[in-house]
Every structure is written in structure tokens, then in C-alpha cells.
C-alpha atoms as a PDB file:
ATOM      1  CA  UNK A   1     -64.262 -43.939-163.158  1.00  0.00           C
ATOM      2  CA  UNK A   2     -66.178 -41.701-164.989  1.00  0.00           C
ATOM      3  CA  UNK A   3     -67.871 -40.573-161.458  1.00  0.00           C
ATOM      4  CA  UNK A   4     -64.464 -39.739-159.497  1.00  0.00           C
ATOM      5  CA  UNK A   5     -63.875 -37.800-162.481  1.00  0.00           C
ATOM      6  CA  UNK A   6     -66.741 -35.365-162.969  1.00  0.00           C
ATOM      7  CA  UNK A   7     -66.631 -34.970-159.113  1.00  0.00           C
ATOM      8  CA  UNK A   8     -62.771 -33.921-159.198  1.00  0.00           C
ATOM      9  CA  UNK A   9     -63.674 -31.575-162.006  1.00  0.00           C
ATOM     10  CA  UNK A  10     -66.323 -30.175-159.857  1.00  0.00           C
ATOM     11  CA  UNK A  11     -63.669 -29.690-157.188  1.00  0.00           C
ATOM     12  CA  UNK A  12     -65.416 -32.142-154.791  1.00  0.00           C
ATOM     13  CA  UNK A  13     -62.833 -34.039-152.176  1.00  0.00           C
ATOM     14  CA  UNK A  14     -62.022 -37.848-152.427  1.00  0.00           C
ATOM     15  CA  UNK A  15     -65.033 -38.377-149.237  1.00  0.00           C
ATOM     16  CA  UNK A  16     -67.454 -37.188-151.623  1.00  0.00           C
ATOM     17  CA  UNK A  17     -66.546 -39.967-154.084  1.00  0.00           C
ATOM     18  CA  UNK A  18     -66.554 -42.747-151.426  1.00  0.00           C
ATOM     19  CA  UNK A  19     -70.214 -40.935-150.331  1.00  0.00           C
ATOM     20  CA  UNK A  20     -70.985 -41.736-153.588  1.00  0.00           C
ATOM     21  CA  UNK A  21     -70.193 -45.104-154.156  1.00  0.00           C
ATOM     22  CA  UNK A  22     -71.399 -46.304-150.675  1.00  0.00           C
ATOM     23  CA  UNK A  23     -74.917 -44.011-151.196  1.00  0.00           C
ATOM     24  CA  UNK A  24     -75.575 -45.146-155.385  1.00  0.00           C
ATOM     25  CA  UNK A  25     -73.590 -48.112-156.031  1.00  0.00           C
ATOM     26  CA  UNK A  26     -73.557 -50.629-152.952  1.00  0.00           C
ATOM     27  CA  UNK A  27     -73.985 -53.748-155.144  1.00  0.00           C
ATOM     28  CA  UNK A  28     -70.886 -52.753-157.209  1.00  0.00           C
ATOM     29  CA  UNK A  29     -68.762 -51.429-154.175  1.00  0.00           C
ATOM     30  CA  UNK A  30     -69.311 -54.906-152.384  1.00  0.00           C
ATOM     31  CA  UNK A  31     -68.139 -56.752-155.331  1.00  0.00           C
ATOM     32  CA  UNK A  32     -65.459 -54.213-155.833  1.00  0.00           C
ATOM     33  CA  UNK A  33     -64.288 -54.681-152.173  1.00  0.00           C
ATOM     34  CA  UNK A  34     -64.702 -58.857-152.086  1.00  0.00           C
ATOM     35  CA  UNK A  35     -62.206 -58.723-155.426  1.00  0.00           C
ATOM     36  CA  UNK A  36     -59.975 -56.243-153.496  1.00  0.00           C
ATOM     37  CA  UNK A  37     -59.859 -58.265-150.027  1.00  0.00           C
ATOM     38  CA  UNK A  38     -59.201 -61.428-152.085  1.00  0.00           C
ATOM     39  CA  UNK A  39     -56.095 -60.088-153.408  1.00  0.00           C
ATOM     40  CA  UNK A  40     -54.724 -58.592-151.048  1.00  0.00           C
ATOM     41  CA  UNK A  41     -55.605 -60.453-147.552  1.00  0.00           C
ATOM     42  CA  UNK A  42     -53.136 -63.435-148.341  1.00  0.00           C
ATOM     43  CA  UNK A  43     -50.637 -60.802-149.081  1.00  0.00           C
ATOM     44  CA  UNK A  44     -50.967 -58.998-145.943  1.00  0.00           C
ATOM     45  CA  UNK A  45     -50.807 -62.548-143.854  1.00  0.00           C
ATOM     46  CA  UNK A  46     -47.594 -64.010-145.421  1.00  0.00           C
ATOM     47  CA  UNK A  47     -45.489 -60.982-146.561  1.00  0.00           C
ATOM     48  CA  UNK A  48     -44.203 -58.930-143.695  1.00  0.00           C
ATOM     49  CA  UNK A  49     -42.873 -56.158-146.021  1.00  0.00           C
ATOM     50  CA  UNK A  50     -46.198 -55.661-147.333  1.00  0.00           C
ATOM     51  CA  UNK A  51     -48.149 -55.329-143.694  1.00  0.00           C
ATOM     52  CA  UNK A  52     -45.458 -53.117-142.540  1.00  0.00           C
ATOM     53  CA  UNK A  53     -46.384 -50.596-145.902  1.00  0.00           C
ATOM     54  CA  UNK A  54     -49.703 -50.827-145.176  1.00  0.00           C
ATOM     55  CA  UNK A  55     -49.807 -50.364-142.046  1.00  0.00           C
ATOM     56  CA  UNK A  56     -47.323 -47.534-142.237  1.00  0.00           C
ATOM     57  CA  UNK A  57     -49.595 -46.050-144.715  1.00  0.00           C
ATOM     58  CA  UNK A  58     -52.326 -46.064-142.667  1.00  0.00           C
ATOM     59  CA  UNK A  59     -49.803 -44.510-139.829  1.00  0.00           C
ATOM     60  CA  UNK A  60     -49.027 -41.594-142.176  1.00  0.00           C
ATOM     61  CA  UNK A  61     -52.214 -40.987-143.399  1.00  0.00           C
ATOM     62  CA  UNK A  62     -53.899 -41.089-139.595  1.00  0.00           C
ATOM     63  CA  UNK A  63     -51.198 -38.535-138.854  1.00  0.00           C
ATOM     64  CA  UNK A  64     -51.344 -36.102-141.758  1.00  0.00           C
ATOM     65  CA  UNK A  65     -55.361 -36.024-140.837  1.00  0.00           C
ATOM     66  CA  UNK A  66     -54.314 -35.154-136.586  1.00  0.00           C
ATOM     67  CA  UNK A  67     -52.244 -32.229-138.128  1.00  0.00           C
ATOM     68  CA  UNK A  68     -54.537 -31.106-140.247  1.00  0.00           C
ATOM     69  CA  UNK A  69     -57.273 -31.077-137.684  1.00  0.00           C
ATOM     70  CA  UNK A  70     -54.407 -29.014-135.515  1.00  0.00           C
ATOM     71  CA  UNK A  71     -53.985 -26.541-138.132  1.00  0.00           C
ATOM     72  CA  UNK A  72     -57.946 -25.899-138.425  1.00  0.00           C
ATOM     73  CA  UNK A  73     -58.247 -25.704-134.585  1.00  0.00           C
ATOM     74  CA  UNK A  74     -55.651 -23.292-133.865  1.00  0.00           C
ATOM     75  CA  UNK A  75     -57.239 -19.759-134.917  1.00  0.00           C
ATOM     76  CA  UNK A  76     -60.143 -20.976-132.270  1.00  0.00           C
ATOM     77  CA  UNK A  77     -57.925 -21.797-129.854  1.00  0.00           C
ATOM     78  CA  UNK A  78     -55.792 -18.716-130.104  1.00  0.00           C
ATOM     79  CA  UNK A  79     -59.326 -16.771-130.125  1.00  0.00           C
ATOM     80  CA  UNK A  80     -60.504 -18.708-127.074  1.00  0.00           C
ATOM     81  CA  UNK A  81     -56.926 -17.668-125.495  1.00  0.00           C
ATOM     82  CA  UNK A  82     -57.250 -14.188-126.381  1.00  0.00           C
ATOM     83  CA  UNK A  83     -58.324 -11.306-124.056  1.00  0.00           C
ATOM     84  CA  UNK A  84     -61.774 -10.584-124.262  1.00  0.00           C
ATOM     85  CA  UNK A  85     -61.415  -7.086-125.179  1.00  0.00           C
ATOM     86  CA  UNK A  86     -59.100  -8.148-128.084  1.00  0.00           C
ATOM     87  CA  UNK A  87     -60.117  -9.228-131.576  1.00  0.00           C
ATOM     88  CA  UNK A  88     -58.419  -9.583-135.015  1.00  0.00           C
ATOM     89  CA  UNK A  89     -60.289  -7.985-137.735  1.00  0.00           C
ATOM     90  CA  UNK A  90     -58.319  -9.023-140.294  1.00  0.00           C
ATOM     91  CA  UNK A  91     -54.597  -8.139-140.624  1.00  0.00           C
ATOM     92  CA  UNK A  92     -55.420  -5.579-137.596  1.00  0.00           C
ATOM     93  CA  UNK A  93     -55.678  -6.573-134.230  1.00  0.00           C
ATOM     94  CA  UNK A  94     -58.201  -4.049-132.319  1.00  0.00           C
ATOM     95  CA  UNK A  95     -58.669  -3.701-128.336  1.00  0.00           C
ATOM     96  CA  UNK A  96     -61.435  -2.155-127.298  1.00  0.00           C
ATOM     97  CA  UNK A  97     -61.353  -0.275-123.836  1.00  0.00           C
ATOM     98  CA  UNK A  98     -64.076  -2.108-121.175  1.00  0.00           C
ATOM     99  CA  UNK A  99     -66.539   0.826-121.168  1.00  0.00           C
ATOM    100  CA  UNK A 100     -66.126   1.807-125.211  1.00  0.00           C
ATOM    101  CA  UNK A 101     -69.760   1.370-125.558  1.00  0.00           C
ATOM    102  CA  UNK A 102     -70.604   4.116-122.800  1.00  0.00           C
ATOM    103  CA  UNK A 103     -68.363   6.091-123.775  1.00  0.00           C
ATOM    104  CA  UNK A 104     -69.543   6.080-127.445  1.00  0.00           C
ATOM    105  CA  UNK A 105     -72.597   6.631-125.678  1.00  0.00           C
ATOM    106  CA  UNK A 106     -71.668   9.428-123.990  1.00  0.00           C
ATOM    107  CA  UNK A 107     -70.225  11.569-127.265  1.00  0.00           C
ATOM    108  CA  UNK A 108     -72.879  11.503-129.329  1.00  0.00           C
ATOM    109  CA  UNK A 109     -75.037  12.949-126.544  1.00  0.00           C
ATOM    110  CA  UNK A 110     -72.510  15.225-126.200  1.00  0.00           C
ATOM    111  CA  UNK A 111     -72.420  15.542-129.929  1.00  0.00           C
ATOM    112  CA  UNK A 112     -76.400  16.049-130.201  1.00  0.00           C
ATOM    113  CA  UNK A 113     -76.698  18.343-127.564  1.00  0.00           C
ATOM    114  CA  UNK A 114     -73.965  20.883-128.911  1.00  0.00           C
END
């Protein structure tokens, strides 16, 4: 319990706590898992409402994870679909001309010659 509180206080996600338990506290985690399975197993086999609650919760967690991943992918997909000469820089979308570098070099050359 103290490890969970320390990790949460330092801003770590729950997955870090699971990683900690599986790497550092393997024996305790296995014992806890076996006790949990002994308590939950018969209920999963006999109680239909409990089984549907567990399965629906699992489906909901999976759906939320997929939505989160999709939100993370959206900016990457937008960048891939955008024309190569358009870039979003902060709140501003910048469109570069195809020969912008050549034009810039020409302007510098003209400025140097005058």
C-alpha cells in the first residue's frame, strides 16, 4: 500500500505500480493473486450477474483504452494527410511555397550585392 501511495504522490501511472509489484514483490504478488483467484473464481463460475459485471467492466476498460490511443493517433494521422508544404506551428498553420528555399537564397544574394 505504501508503494502505491509513494508512486501516486510522485505522479506515476498505475502501470508503474503493476510493474513494481511484478519485478520487486513477485512472491507477494503471486500469493495475493492466488488468494484473489480463490475468492473470485467460484463467483465467476456460479454468479451470472457478477460474471457479466466483470466482463462488461473489462470491455469498457478496453474501449476506453482504444479511444485514448485513437486520440493520441489523430494528430499523427492529420500530419500524414496534410500536404507536405503545410505545417502547423503552434496555433498558426504555415504554408511554404515549393521553391521557398531558392527564393530565399536569391533574396539574400540580391541583398548582398546591393
